[in-house]
Every structure is written in C-alpha cells, then in structure tokens.
Amino acid sequence: MPDVKRHLFVCTNRGASGKPACGARGSSELLAAVQTELVRRGSDARATSSGCLGPCFDGPNAVVYPDGVWYGGLEPADAAGLADHLTGGAVLADRCTEPPGEPGERE
C-alpha cells in the first residue's frame, strides 16, 4: 500500500443534541467533491468521513492529518482548495479555524 502523505477527515455527523450538525449542513456533499477531485488528480491522498470533531457551530468541519490544520464553514465549492492542501500542502487560509479546546492546550 502506498505511503499516504495527507489525510482529510470530514465530520459527517448527523445527530447533534440541539446543536447544528455537519452532516445536515452539506458535509457529505463536500466529502464526495473532495474525493472526486483527488481521483481526478490521480492523488494517493485520502479524504474520509469522521464522527463529530467538536466545533459544531463552525461546520462543516474537517482536519488534515498529519498537518493538524483545521477547517470550518466548508462547502463543496472548497473541494479544489482542499485537494490543493492534500496534494501540495497549500493551506486554504480563508477556511482555517482553530482546533477545539482552550488556547495553549495543544502545546
């Protein structure tokens, strides 16, 4: 199996105990668009669904491993920019968010 350089995890959680849920806000469509773009480019980067990533009010949310770059407020139109990050490392700056948790906890 090829060594995968980057992996995008997209929250597709549909249930959210009174909070907005990424799955109900278009994250499945976003994930499909990113996967389609990666296939089109012939990339070995990965994009898969995940459960809740935490910041429900900022969703749809995603995180890139191993970079630790968090994204929020994503739309299917962001697929090409996310694929750019996954294939070449160019961060989609206008969709970056802080990781969940208190500042300084990540140190």
Foldseek 3Di string as FASTA:
>chain_A
DDDQDKEKEWALADDDPPFAGQVVVARVLLQVLLVVVCVVVVHPYYYYYDHDQPPRNFDRKMAMPPVRWIFGPDHNVCNVVVNCCRPPNDHPVVGTDDRDDDPPPVD
